Amino acid sequence: MIRILLAEDHAMVRAGLRQILERQPDMRVIAEARDGAEAIALAIQLEPTVAILDVGLPGVDGLEALEQIKVHAPHIRALMLSGLANEPHVRRALQGGAAGYLLKEQGSEDLIQAVRTVARGDLSYVGAGIADVVASSGRSDGPVPSHSRLTVREREVLRLVAQGYSNAGIAALLRLSPKTVDSHRARLMDKLDLHSRAALTNYALHQGYVVVA
């Protein structure tokens, strides 16, 4: 069962999202939050599988709530909702550890797919209208390097780096030391000749480490 925390300040929107989610046999909304501070407290207390966070939450916004949740409960998978494909917001969300980013204009099937994808924990989900933003933030000239020389562990680290996890967060998830994670990250960046988080995120998107709606 996918246990969901739903953080959205508009009551009617929140009710509609809950109705869509709870029609699914594998999903249950365990709590609702009306602002960022409430979302943080409920996430830490209840430890949902997925936290759906509206970027524009009042008070503490959804991006700050995301960052605080990832500090206290890094295993929670966060899906961001927004009305706009704002590049700084998308970049900050992915770097802050969001497992997915979805525009509110997308349909109920997109929401369901996004929740299931991020809940699995093996991929990120980037909704329609967001993929180009992610790609453009890390676009560079020249050929795309091959990932065939990466080890299985380096690919795991690449996926988590692209999802915004810090070295400490990756170490906790993979049960490695931060020093070991740092070594894996340095080697994969050297092999791929990519030297920024944005470039790694763009590469991961094009290589299928991130699901695009």
N, C-alpha and C. Protein backbone atom coordinates (compact mmCIF):
# COMPACT_ATOMS: atom_id res chain seq x y z
N MET A 1 0.84 -1.20 0.00
CA MET A 1 0.00 0.00 0.00
C MET A 1 0.88 1.25 0.00
N ILE A 2 0.59 2.18 -0.90
CA ILE A 2 1.31 3.45 -0.96
C ILE A 2 0.62 4.44 -0.02
N ARG A 3 1.30 4.81 1.05
CA ARG A 3 0.75 5.73 2.04
C ARG A 3 1.13 7.15 1.64
N ILE A 4 0.15 8.02 1.51
CA ILE A 4 0.36 9.33 0.91
C ILE A 4 0.03 10.46 1.89
N LEU A 5 0.93 11.43 1.97
CA LEU A 5 0.66 12.71 2.63
C LEU A 5 0.37 13.71 1.52
N LEU A 6 -0.77 14.39 1.61
CA LEU A 6 -1.20 15.33 0.58
C LEU A 6 -1.15 16.75 1.14
N ALA A 7 -0.26 17.58 0.60
CA ALA A 7 -0.10 18.96 1.08
C ALA A 7 -0.52 19.93 -0.01
N GLU A 8 -1.66 20.55 0.18
CA GLU A 8 -2.25 21.49 -0.80
C GLU A 8 -3.14 22.45 -0.02
N ASP A 9 -2.96 23.76 -0.26
CA ASP A 9 -3.68 24.74 0.56
C ASP A 9 -5.11 24.99 0.12
N HIS A 10 -5.47 24.66 -1.12
CA HIS A 10 -6.84 24.87 -1.58
C HIS A 10 -7.69 23.64 -1.29
N ALA A 11 -8.71 23.81 -0.48
CA ALA A 11 -9.51 22.68 0.01
C ALA A 11 -10.16 21.90 -1.13
N MET A 12 -10.70 22.60 -2.13
CA MET A 12 -11.38 21.90 -3.22
C MET A 12 -10.39 21.10 -4.06
N VAL A 13 -9.22 21.67 -4.31
CA VAL A 13 -8.19 20.95 -5.06
C VAL A 13 -7.74 19.73 -4.27
N ARG A 14 -7.54 19.93 -2.98
CA ARG A 14 -7.10 18.83 -2.10
C ARG A 14 -8.12 17.70 -2.10
N ALA A 15 -9.40 18.06 -2.03
CA ALA A 15 -10.45 17.03 -2.03
C ALA A 15 -10.48 16.27 -3.35
N GLY A 16 -10.27 16.99 -4.46
CA GLY A 16 -10.26 16.33 -5.76
C GLY A 16 -9.08 15.38 -5.91
N LEU A 17 -7.92 15.81 -5.44
CA LEU A 17 -6.74 14.95 -5.51
C LEU A 17 -6.92 13.70 -4.64
N ARG A 18 -7.48 13.91 -3.47
CA ARG A 18 -7.72 12.76 -2.59
C ARG A 18 -8.67 11.75 -3.23
N GLN A 19 -9.70 12.24 -3.87
CA GLN A 19 -10.68 11.36 -4.50
C GLN A 19 -10.02 10.53 -5.61
N ILE A 20 -9.17 11.19 -6.41
CA ILE A 20 -8.46 10.48 -7.48
C ILE A 20 -7.56 9.39 -6.91
N LEU A 21 -6.81 9.74 -5.88
CA LEU A 21 -5.84 8.81 -5.31
C LEU A 21 -6.51 7.63 -4.62
N GLU A 22 -7.56 7.90 -3.87
CA GLU A 22 -8.17 6.83 -3.08
C GLU A 22 -9.07 5.92 -3.90
N ARG A 23 -9.26 6.24 -5.17
CA ARG A 23 -9.93 5.29 -6.06
C ARG A 23 -8.99 4.16 -6.47
N GLN A 24 -7.70 4.34 -6.20
CA GLN A 24 -6.71 3.32 -6.56
C GLN A 24 -6.58 2.30 -5.43
N PRO A 25 -6.61 1.03 -5.75
CA PRO A 25 -6.58 0.00 -4.70
C PRO A 25 -5.26 -0.05 -3.93
N ASP A 26 -4.20 0.52 -4.51
CA ASP A 26 -2.89 0.44 -3.86
C ASP A 26 -2.47 1.76 -3.21
N MET A 27 -3.40 2.71 -3.07
CA MET A 27 -3.07 4.01 -2.51
C MET A 27 -4.02 4.39 -1.38
N ARG A 28 -3.44 5.06 -0.38
CA ARG A 28 -4.27 5.56 0.73
C ARG A 28 -3.70 6.88 1.22
N VAL A 29 -4.53 7.92 1.26
CA VAL A 29 -4.12 9.21 1.80
C VAL A 29 -4.23 9.14 3.32
N ILE A 30 -3.10 9.19 4.00
CA ILE A 30 -3.09 9.03 5.46
C ILE A 30 -3.18 10.36 6.20
N ALA A 31 -2.92 11.47 5.48
CA ALA A 31 -3.00 12.78 6.14
C ALA A 31 -3.03 13.88 5.09
N GLU A 32 -3.57 15.04 5.48
CA GLU A 32 -3.61 16.21 4.62
C GLU A 32 -3.00 17.39 5.36
N ALA A 33 -2.28 18.23 4.62
CA ALA A 33 -1.68 19.43 5.20
C ALA A 33 -2.11 20.64 4.39
N ARG A 34 -2.31 21.76 5.07
CA ARG A 34 -2.75 22.98 4.42
C ARG A 34 -1.62 23.99 4.20
N ASP A 35 -0.48 23.75 4.82
CA ASP A 35 0.67 24.64 4.65
C ASP A 35 1.96 23.84 4.83
N GLY A 36 3.08 24.48 4.56
CA GLY A 36 4.36 23.79 4.60
C GLY A 36 4.77 23.30 5.97
N ALA A 37 4.52 24.11 6.99
CA ALA A 37 4.90 23.72 8.35
C ALA A 37 4.14 22.46 8.78
N GLU A 38 2.85 22.41 8.46
CA GLU A 38 2.05 21.24 8.79
C GLU A 38 2.52 20.02 8.00
N ALA A 39 2.91 20.23 6.75
CA ALA A 39 3.41 19.12 5.92
C ALA A 39 4.68 18.52 6.52
N ILE A 40 5.59 19.37 6.97
CA ILE A 40 6.84 18.89 7.57
C ILE A 40 6.55 18.07 8.82
N ALA A 41 5.70 18.61 9.70
CA ALA A 41 5.39 17.93 10.96
C ALA A 41 4.73 16.57 10.71
N LEU A 42 3.77 16.54 9.80
CA LEU A 42 3.06 15.28 9.52
C LEU A 42 3.97 14.26 8.84
N ALA A 43 4.85 14.73 7.96
CA ALA A 43 5.76 13.81 7.28
C ALA A 43 6.69 13.14 8.28
N ILE A 44 7.25 13.92 9.20
CA ILE A 44 8.16 13.37 10.19
C ILE A 44 7.43 12.43 11.14
N GLN A 45 6.21 12.80 11.51
CA GLN A 45 5.43 11.99 12.45
C GLN A 45 4.94 10.69 11.83
N LEU A 46 4.41 10.75 10.61
CA LEU A 46 3.71 9.61 10.02
C LEU A 46 4.55 8.80 9.03
N GLU A 47 5.63 9.39 8.50
CA GLU A 47 6.52 8.74 7.55
C GLU A 47 5.75 8.08 6.39
N PRO A 48 5.09 8.87 5.57
CA PRO A 48 4.37 8.31 4.42
C PRO A 48 5.34 7.76 3.39
N THR A 49 4.83 6.94 2.50
CA THR A 49 5.64 6.47 1.38
C THR A 49 5.95 7.62 0.44
N VAL A 50 4.91 8.41 0.14
CA VAL A 50 5.04 9.54 -0.79
C VAL A 50 4.42 10.78 -0.16
N ALA A 51 5.12 11.90 -0.25
CA ALA A 51 4.58 13.19 0.15
C ALA A 51 4.33 14.01 -1.13
N ILE A 52 3.07 14.36 -1.38
CA ILE A 52 2.73 15.20 -2.52
C ILE A 52 2.68 16.64 -2.01
N LEU A 53 3.58 17.48 -2.53
CA LEU A 53 3.75 18.83 -2.00
C LEU A 53 3.47 19.87 -3.08
N ASP A 54 2.51 20.74 -2.83
CA ASP A 54 2.27 21.88 -3.71
C ASP A 54 3.44 22.86 -3.53
N VAL A 55 4.06 23.27 -4.62
CA VAL A 55 5.19 24.20 -4.54
C VAL A 55 4.77 25.50 -3.86
N GLY A 56 3.53 25.96 -4.11
CA GLY A 56 3.09 27.25 -3.60
C GLY A 56 2.39 27.22 -2.26
N LEU A 57 2.77 26.31 -1.38
CA LEU A 57 2.15 26.28 -0.05
C LEU A 57 2.40 27.59 0.70
N PRO A 58 1.42 28.05 1.49
CA PRO A 58 1.61 29.30 2.24
C PRO A 58 2.56 29.11 3.42
N GLY A 59 3.11 30.22 3.87
CA GLY A 59 4.07 30.16 4.97
C GLY A 59 5.37 29.54 4.48
N VAL A 60 5.70 28.40 5.01
CA VAL A 60 6.83 27.61 4.49
C VAL A 60 6.38 27.00 3.17
N ASP A 61 7.01 27.40 2.06
CA ASP A 61 6.53 26.90 0.77
C ASP A 61 6.92 25.43 0.56
N GLY A 62 6.42 24.86 -0.53
CA GLY A 62 6.64 23.45 -0.78
C GLY A 62 8.09 23.07 -0.96
N LEU A 63 8.90 23.97 -1.53
CA LEU A 63 10.32 23.69 -1.74
C LEU A 63 11.08 23.64 -0.43
N GLU A 64 10.78 24.58 0.46
CA GLU A 64 11.40 24.56 1.78
C GLU A 64 10.92 23.36 2.58
N ALA A 65 9.63 23.04 2.47
CA ALA A 65 9.10 21.85 3.15
C ALA A 65 9.82 20.59 2.66
N LEU A 66 10.02 20.50 1.35
CA LEU A 66 10.76 19.37 0.78
C LEU A 66 12.13 19.24 1.41
N GLU A 67 12.86 20.33 1.47
CA GLU A 67 14.22 20.28 1.99
C GLU A 67 14.25 19.88 3.46
N GLN A 68 13.29 20.37 4.23
CA GLN A 68 13.23 20.01 5.65
C GLN A 68 12.84 18.54 5.83
N ILE A 69 11.92 18.07 5.02
CA ILE A 69 11.50 16.66 5.10
C ILE A 69 12.67 15.75 4.76
N LYS A 70 13.46 16.10 3.73
CA LYS A 70 14.58 15.25 3.33
C LYS A 70 15.68 15.23 4.38
N VAL A 71 15.79 16.30 5.16
CA VAL A 71 16.77 16.31 6.26
C VAL A 71 16.37 15.32 7.34
N HIS A 72 15.09 15.34 7.71
CA HIS A 72 14.62 14.54 8.85
C HIS A 72 14.16 13.14 8.46
N ALA A 73 13.73 12.97 7.22
CA ALA A 73 13.22 11.66 6.79
C ALA A 73 13.59 11.46 5.31
N PRO A 74 14.87 11.22 5.02
CA PRO A 74 15.33 11.18 3.62
C PRO A 74 14.73 10.06 2.79
N HIS A 75 14.15 9.04 3.44
CA HIS A 75 13.56 7.92 2.71
C HIS A 75 12.19 8.26 2.12
N ILE A 76 11.55 9.34 2.57
CA ILE A 76 10.24 9.72 2.03
C ILE A 76 10.41 10.23 0.61
N ARG A 77 9.59 9.72 -0.29
CA ARG A 77 9.65 10.12 -1.70
C ARG A 77 8.70 11.31 -1.90
N ALA A 78 9.22 12.40 -2.45
CA ALA A 78 8.44 13.62 -2.59
C ALA A 78 8.08 13.88 -4.05
N LEU A 79 6.80 14.14 -4.30
CA LEU A 79 6.30 14.51 -5.62
C LEU A 79 5.80 15.95 -5.54
N MET A 80 6.41 16.84 -6.32
CA MET A 80 6.05 18.24 -6.28
C MET A 80 4.95 18.53 -7.30
N LEU A 81 4.00 19.37 -6.92
CA LEU A 81 2.93 19.83 -7.81
C LEU A 81 3.07 21.34 -8.00
N SER A 82 2.91 21.79 -9.25
CA SER A 82 3.02 23.22 -9.51
C SER A 82 2.14 23.61 -10.67
N GLY A 83 1.72 24.87 -10.69
CA GLY A 83 0.93 25.38 -11.80
C GLY A 83 1.80 25.89 -12.93
N LEU A 84 3.12 26.04 -12.68
CA LEU A 84 4.02 26.62 -13.68
C LEU A 84 5.29 25.78 -13.81
N ALA A 85 5.82 25.71 -15.04
CA ALA A 85 7.10 25.05 -15.28
C ALA A 85 8.20 26.09 -15.11
N ASN A 86 8.44 26.47 -13.85
CA ASN A 86 9.40 27.50 -13.52
C ASN A 86 10.77 26.87 -13.34
N GLU A 87 11.75 27.22 -14.19
CA GLU A 87 13.05 26.55 -14.17
C GLU A 87 13.75 26.60 -12.82
N PRO A 88 13.84 27.76 -12.15
CA PRO A 88 14.50 27.76 -10.83
C PRO A 88 13.80 26.85 -9.82
N HIS A 89 12.47 26.80 -9.87
CA HIS A 89 11.74 25.93 -8.96
C HIS A 89 12.00 24.46 -9.26
N VAL A 90 11.98 24.12 -10.55
CA VAL A 90 12.24 22.72 -10.93
C VAL A 90 13.64 22.32 -10.52
N ARG A 91 14.61 23.16 -10.83
CA ARG A 91 16.00 22.85 -10.49
C ARG A 91 16.18 22.70 -8.98
N ARG A 92 15.61 23.63 -8.22
CA ARG A 92 15.75 23.56 -6.76
C ARG A 92 15.07 22.31 -6.21
N ALA A 93 13.91 21.95 -6.78
CA ALA A 93 13.20 20.76 -6.31
C ALA A 93 14.01 19.49 -6.55
N LEU A 94 14.56 19.34 -7.75
CA LEU A 94 15.33 18.14 -8.07
C LEU A 94 16.62 18.09 -7.26
N GLN A 95 17.26 19.24 -7.09
CA GLN A 95 18.48 19.27 -6.29
C GLN A 95 18.18 19.07 -4.81
N GLY A 96 16.95 19.42 -4.41
CA GLY A 96 16.57 19.26 -3.01
C GLY A 96 16.09 17.87 -2.66
N GLY A 97 16.03 16.98 -3.65
CA GLY A 97 15.69 15.59 -3.37
C GLY A 97 14.31 15.16 -3.82
N ALA A 98 13.61 16.01 -4.59
CA ALA A 98 12.29 15.60 -5.10
C ALA A 98 12.45 14.40 -6.03
N ALA A 99 11.53 13.44 -5.90
CA ALA A 99 11.56 12.27 -6.78
C ALA A 99 10.70 12.47 -8.01
N GLY A 100 9.92 13.56 -8.05
CA GLY A 100 9.09 13.83 -9.21
C GLY A 100 8.57 15.26 -9.20
N TYR A 101 8.17 15.73 -10.37
CA TYR A 101 7.66 17.09 -10.52
C TYR A 101 6.54 17.04 -11.56
N LEU A 102 5.36 17.48 -11.19
CA LEU A 102 4.18 17.34 -12.03
C LEU A 102 3.43 18.66 -12.09
N LEU A 103 3.00 19.05 -13.29
CA LEU A 103 2.18 20.25 -13.45
C LEU A 103 0.72 19.94 -13.14
N LYS A 104 0.03 20.89 -12.52
CA LYS A 104 -1.37 20.67 -12.13
C LYS A 104 -2.29 20.54 -13.34
N GLU A 105 -1.86 21.01 -14.48
CA GLU A 105 -2.70 20.92 -15.67
C GLU A 105 -2.77 19.50 -16.23
N GLN A 106 -1.92 18.61 -15.75
CA GLN A 106 -1.93 17.24 -16.26
C GLN A 106 -3.11 16.47 -15.68
N GLY A 107 -3.43 15.34 -16.32
CA GLY A 107 -4.61 14.59 -15.96
C GLY A 107 -4.41 13.65 -14.79
N SER A 108 -5.52 13.03 -14.37
CA SER A 108 -5.50 12.13 -13.22
C SER A 108 -4.61 10.92 -13.47
N GLU A 109 -4.57 10.42 -14.70
CA GLU A 109 -3.72 9.27 -15.00
C GLU A 109 -2.24 9.60 -14.83
N ASP A 110 -1.87 10.85 -15.16
CA ASP A 110 -0.49 11.28 -14.97
C ASP A 110 -0.15 11.31 -13.48
N LEU A 111 -1.08 11.79 -12.67
CA LEU A 111 -0.87 11.82 -11.22
C LEU A 111 -0.67 10.41 -10.68
N ILE A 112 -1.52 9.50 -11.09
CA ILE A 112 -1.43 8.11 -10.61
C ILE A 112 -0.11 7.48 -11.02
N GLN A 113 0.28 7.69 -12.28
CA GLN A 113 1.55 7.13 -12.76
C GLN A 113 2.72 7.73 -11.98
N ALA A 114 2.65 9.04 -11.74
CA ALA A 114 3.74 9.71 -11.02
C ALA A 114 3.88 9.15 -9.61
N VAL A 115 2.77 8.99 -8.91
CA VAL A 115 2.82 8.46 -7.54
C VAL A 115 3.41 7.05 -7.52
N ARG A 116 2.97 6.21 -8.43
CA ARG A 116 3.48 4.83 -8.47
C ARG A 116 4.97 4.80 -8.83
N THR A 117 5.37 5.67 -9.73
CA THR A 117 6.78 5.70 -10.15
C THR A 117 7.68 6.12 -9.00
N VAL A 118 7.34 7.22 -8.33
CA VAL A 118 8.21 7.69 -7.26
C VAL A 118 8.16 6.75 -6.06
N ALA A 119 7.02 6.09 -5.84
CA ALA A 119 6.90 5.17 -4.71
C ALA A 119 7.82 3.97 -4.87
N ARG A 120 8.06 3.55 -6.12
CA ARG A 120 8.94 2.40 -6.37
C ARG A 120 10.37 2.69 -5.93
N GLY A 121 10.76 3.94 -6.04
CA GLY A 121 12.08 4.32 -5.57
C GLY A 121 13.21 4.05 -6.53
N ASP A 122 12.93 3.55 -7.73
CA ASP A 122 14.00 3.22 -8.65
C ASP A 122 14.18 4.26 -9.75
N LEU A 123 13.21 5.16 -9.89
CA LEU A 123 13.27 6.18 -10.93
C LEU A 123 12.66 7.48 -10.42
N SER A 124 12.98 8.57 -11.10
CA SER A 124 12.30 9.83 -10.87
C SER A 124 11.22 9.99 -11.93
N TYR A 125 10.27 10.89 -11.69
CA TYR A 125 9.19 11.14 -12.64
C TYR A 125 9.18 12.62 -12.96
N VAL A 126 9.31 12.95 -14.23
CA VAL A 126 9.26 14.34 -14.68
C VAL A 126 8.07 14.47 -15.63
N GLY A 127 7.08 15.26 -15.25
CA GLY A 127 5.87 15.39 -16.04
C GLY A 127 6.07 16.16 -17.33
N ALA A 128 5.09 16.06 -18.22
CA ALA A 128 5.10 16.80 -19.48
C ALA A 128 5.24 18.29 -19.19
N GLY A 129 6.06 18.96 -19.98
CA GLY A 129 6.30 20.38 -19.76
C GLY A 129 7.47 20.66 -18.85
N ILE A 130 7.93 19.63 -18.13
CA ILE A 130 9.04 19.79 -17.20
C ILE A 130 10.34 19.26 -17.81
N ALA A 131 10.23 18.24 -18.65
CA ALA A 131 11.43 17.59 -19.20
C ALA A 131 12.34 18.59 -19.92
N ASP A 132 11.76 19.48 -20.72
CA ASP A 132 12.57 20.45 -21.44
C ASP A 132 13.27 21.41 -20.49
N VAL A 133 12.61 21.74 -19.38
CA VAL A 133 13.21 22.62 -18.39
C VAL A 133 14.42 21.95 -17.75
N VAL A 134 14.27 20.68 -17.41
CA VAL A 134 15.37 19.93 -16.80
C VAL A 134 16.53 19.83 -17.78
N ALA A 135 16.21 19.50 -19.03
CA ALA A 135 17.25 19.33 -20.03
C ALA A 135 17.99 20.64 -20.31
N SER A 136 17.24 21.74 -20.43
CA SER A 136 17.86 23.01 -20.77
C SER A 136 18.75 23.52 -19.65
N SER A 137 18.44 23.16 -18.41
CA SER A 137 19.26 23.64 -17.29
C SER A 137 20.63 22.99 -17.27
N GLY A 138 20.76 21.84 -17.93
CA GLY A 138 22.07 21.18 -17.94
C GLY A 138 22.60 20.97 -19.33
N ARG A 139 22.03 21.63 -20.33
CA ARG A 139 22.41 21.39 -21.72
C ARG A 139 23.81 21.91 -21.98
N SER A 140 24.57 21.13 -22.72
CA SER A 140 25.91 21.54 -23.13
C SER A 140 26.16 21.02 -24.53
N ASP A 141 27.11 21.64 -25.21
CA ASP A 141 27.44 21.22 -26.55
C ASP A 141 28.28 19.95 -26.51
N GLY A 142 28.32 19.23 -27.63
CA GLY A 142 29.16 18.05 -27.70
C GLY A 142 28.36 16.79 -27.56
N PRO A 143 28.97 15.66 -27.87
CA PRO A 143 28.27 14.38 -27.83
C PRO A 143 27.92 13.95 -26.42
N VAL A 144 26.85 13.15 -26.30
CA VAL A 144 26.46 12.59 -25.01
C VAL A 144 27.33 11.37 -24.73
N PRO A 145 28.06 11.34 -23.61
CA PRO A 145 28.95 10.22 -23.34
C PRO A 145 28.18 8.94 -23.03
N SER A 146 28.83 7.81 -23.25
CA SER A 146 28.21 6.52 -23.00
C SER A 146 28.29 6.16 -21.53
N HIS A 147 27.24 5.47 -21.03
CA HIS A 147 27.25 5.02 -19.64
C HIS A 147 27.70 3.58 -19.52
N SER A 148 28.14 2.97 -20.63
CA SER A 148 28.45 1.53 -20.62
C SER A 148 29.61 1.19 -19.71
N ARG A 149 30.49 2.16 -19.44
CA ARG A 149 31.65 1.88 -18.60
C ARG A 149 31.36 2.05 -17.11
N LEU A 150 30.15 2.48 -16.76
CA LEU A 150 29.81 2.67 -15.36
C LEU A 150 29.52 1.33 -14.68
N THR A 151 29.97 1.20 -13.44
CA THR A 151 29.61 0.01 -12.68
C THR A 151 28.17 0.13 -12.20
N VAL A 152 27.62 -0.97 -11.70
CA VAL A 152 26.26 -0.95 -11.16
C VAL A 152 26.15 0.07 -10.04
N ARG A 153 27.14 0.11 -9.15
CA ARG A 153 27.10 1.04 -8.03
C ARG A 153 27.19 2.48 -8.51
N GLU A 154 28.02 2.75 -9.51
CA GLU A 154 28.13 4.10 -10.04
C GLU A 154 26.82 4.55 -10.67
N ARG A 155 26.10 3.62 -11.30
CA ARG A 155 24.80 3.96 -11.88
C ARG A 155 23.79 4.28 -10.78
N GLU A 156 23.85 3.56 -9.68
CA GLU A 156 22.98 3.85 -8.54
C GLU A 156 23.26 5.25 -8.01
N VAL A 157 24.54 5.57 -7.88
CA VAL A 157 24.93 6.89 -7.37
C VAL A 157 24.49 7.98 -8.35
N LEU A 158 24.66 7.73 -9.64
CA LEU A 158 24.23 8.69 -10.66
C LEU A 158 22.74 8.98 -10.54
N ARG A 159 21.95 7.92 -10.42
CA ARG A 159 20.49 8.08 -10.31
C ARG A 159 20.13 8.94 -9.10
N LEU A 160 20.77 8.69 -7.97
CA LEU A 160 20.44 9.43 -6.75
C LEU A 160 20.96 10.86 -6.79
N VAL A 161 22.13 11.07 -7.40
CA VAL A 161 22.62 12.43 -7.58
C VAL A 161 21.65 13.23 -8.42
N ALA A 162 21.17 12.62 -9.51
CA ALA A 162 20.22 13.30 -10.40
C ALA A 162 18.91 13.61 -9.70
N GLN A 163 18.57 12.81 -8.68
CA GLN A 163 17.35 13.05 -7.91
C GLN A 163 17.55 14.08 -6.81
N GLY A 164 18.79 14.58 -6.67
CA GLY A 164 19.04 15.66 -5.73
C GLY A 164 19.59 15.26 -4.39
N TYR A 165 19.91 13.99 -4.19
CA TYR A 165 20.42 13.55 -2.90
C TYR A 165 21.85 14.04 -2.68
N SER A 166 22.15 14.42 -1.46
CA SER A 166 23.52 14.76 -1.07
C SER A 166 24.32 13.49 -0.90
N ASN A 167 25.65 13.62 -0.75
CA ASN A 167 26.48 12.44 -0.51
C ASN A 167 26.04 11.72 0.76
N ALA A 168 25.68 12.48 1.78
CA ALA A 168 25.25 11.87 3.04
C ALA A 168 23.93 11.11 2.84
N GLY A 169 23.01 11.69 2.06
CA GLY A 169 21.75 11.03 1.79
C GLY A 169 21.93 9.75 0.99
N ILE A 170 22.82 9.80 -0.01
CA ILE A 170 23.12 8.61 -0.81
C ILE A 170 23.75 7.54 0.06
N ALA A 171 24.66 7.95 0.92
CA ALA A 171 25.32 6.99 1.80
C ALA A 171 24.30 6.28 2.69
N ALA A 172 23.32 7.03 3.21
CA ALA A 172 22.31 6.43 4.07
C ALA A 172 21.44 5.44 3.30
N LEU A 173 21.06 5.80 2.09
CA LEU A 173 20.18 4.94 1.30
C LEU A 173 20.89 3.68 0.83
N LEU A 174 22.17 3.80 0.45
CA LEU A 174 22.91 2.65 -0.07
C LEU A 174 23.72 1.93 1.01
N ARG A 175 23.66 2.44 2.23
CA ARG A 175 24.39 1.85 3.36
C ARG A 175 25.89 1.79 3.08
N LEU A 176 26.39 2.94 2.62
CA LEU A 176 27.82 3.12 2.37
C LEU A 176 28.32 4.28 3.21
N SER A 177 29.63 4.43 3.30
CA SER A 177 30.18 5.59 3.98
C SER A 177 30.15 6.79 3.02
N PRO A 178 30.02 8.02 3.54
CA PRO A 178 30.06 9.19 2.66
C PRO A 178 31.34 9.25 1.82
N LYS A 179 32.45 8.79 2.39
CA LYS A 179 33.72 8.80 1.65
C LYS A 179 33.65 7.87 0.44
N THR A 180 33.02 6.70 0.62
CA THR A 180 32.87 5.75 -0.50
C THR A 180 31.97 6.34 -1.57
N VAL A 181 30.88 6.97 -1.16
CA VAL A 181 29.98 7.62 -2.13
C VAL A 181 30.72 8.69 -2.90
N ASP A 182 31.52 9.48 -2.20
CA ASP A 182 32.29 10.54 -2.85
C ASP A 182 33.22 9.97 -3.91
N SER A 183 33.82 8.82 -3.61
CA SER A 183 34.72 8.17 -4.57
C SER A 183 33.95 7.69 -5.80
N HIS A 184 32.79 7.06 -5.58
CA HIS A 184 31.97 6.61 -6.70
C HIS A 184 31.55 7.79 -7.57
N ARG A 185 31.14 8.86 -6.93
CA ARG A 185 30.67 10.04 -7.67
C ARG A 185 31.81 10.65 -8.48
N ALA A 186 32.99 10.74 -7.89
CA ALA A 186 34.14 11.30 -8.61
C ALA A 186 34.50 10.46 -9.82
N ARG A 187 34.45 9.14 -9.66
CA ARG A 187 34.79 8.25 -10.77
C ARG A 187 33.77 8.34 -11.91
N LEU A 188 32.47 8.38 -11.56
CA LEU A 188 31.47 8.42 -12.63
C LEU A 188 31.52 9.76 -13.36
N MET A 189 31.78 10.85 -12.64
CA MET A 189 31.89 12.15 -13.29
C MET A 189 33.10 12.19 -14.22
N ASP A 190 34.18 11.54 -13.79
CA ASP A 190 35.38 11.48 -14.62
C ASP A 190 35.12 10.64 -15.87
N LYS A 191 34.45 9.48 -15.71
CA LYS A 191 34.16 8.61 -16.84
C LYS A 191 33.24 9.29 -17.86
N LEU A 192 32.26 10.06 -17.35
CA LEU A 192 31.28 10.70 -18.23
C LEU A 192 31.72 12.08 -18.70
N ASP A 193 32.79 12.59 -18.10
CA ASP A 193 33.26 13.95 -18.39
C ASP A 193 32.15 14.97 -18.16
N LEU A 194 31.45 14.79 -17.04
CA LEU A 194 30.38 15.71 -16.62
C LEU A 194 30.75 16.25 -15.25
N HIS A 195 30.65 17.55 -15.08
CA HIS A 195 31.23 18.13 -13.87
C HIS A 195 30.29 19.09 -13.12
N SER A 196 28.99 18.89 -13.28
CA SER A 196 28.02 19.67 -12.51
C SER A 196 26.79 18.83 -12.26
N ARG A 197 26.04 19.19 -11.22
CA ARG A 197 24.80 18.46 -10.91
C ARG A 197 23.78 18.60 -12.05
N ALA A 198 23.70 19.80 -12.64
CA ALA A 198 22.76 20.00 -13.74
C ALA A 198 23.11 19.11 -14.92
N ALA A 199 24.41 18.98 -15.23
CA ALA A 199 24.83 18.13 -16.34
C ALA A 199 24.50 16.67 -16.06
N LEU A 200 24.70 16.24 -14.81
CA LEU A 200 24.36 14.86 -14.44
C LEU A 200 22.86 14.61 -14.55
N THR A 201 22.06 15.58 -14.10
CA THR A 201 20.61 15.44 -14.18
C THR A 201 20.15 15.35 -15.63
N ASN A 202 20.71 16.20 -16.48
CA ASN A 202 20.38 16.16 -17.90
C ASN A 202 20.77 14.82 -18.51
N TYR A 203 21.94 14.34 -18.16
CA TYR A 203 22.42 13.05 -18.68
C TYR A 203 21.50 11.92 -18.23
N ALA A 204 21.14 11.93 -16.93
CA ALA A 204 20.27 10.88 -16.40
C ALA A 204 18.91 10.89 -17.08
N LEU A 205 18.42 12.07 -17.40
CA LEU A 205 17.14 12.19 -18.11
C LEU A 205 17.21 11.52 -19.47
N HIS A 206 18.27 11.80 -20.22
CA HIS A 206 18.39 11.27 -21.57
C HIS A 206 18.74 9.79 -21.60
N GLN A 207 19.31 9.29 -20.52
CA GLN A 207 19.69 7.88 -20.48
C GLN A 207 18.59 7.00 -19.86
N GLY A 208 17.45 7.59 -19.51
CA GLY A 208 16.34 6.79 -19.03
C GLY A 208 16.33 6.52 -17.54
N TYR A 209 17.16 7.25 -16.77
CA TYR A 209 17.13 7.09 -15.33
C TYR A 209 15.93 7.82 -14.73
N VAL A 210 15.32 8.69 -15.51
CA VAL A 210 14.18 9.48 -15.07
C VAL A 210 13.02 9.23 -16.02
N VAL A 211 11.84 8.94 -15.50
CA VAL A 211 10.66 8.71 -16.32
C VAL A 211 10.07 10.04 -16.73
N VAL A 212 9.83 10.22 -18.03
CA VAL A 212 9.21 11.44 -18.55
C VAL A 212 7.82 11.10 -19.05
N ALA A 213 6.82 11.84 -18.58
CA ALA A 213 5.43 11.57 -19.00
C ALA A 213 5.26 11.85 -20.47
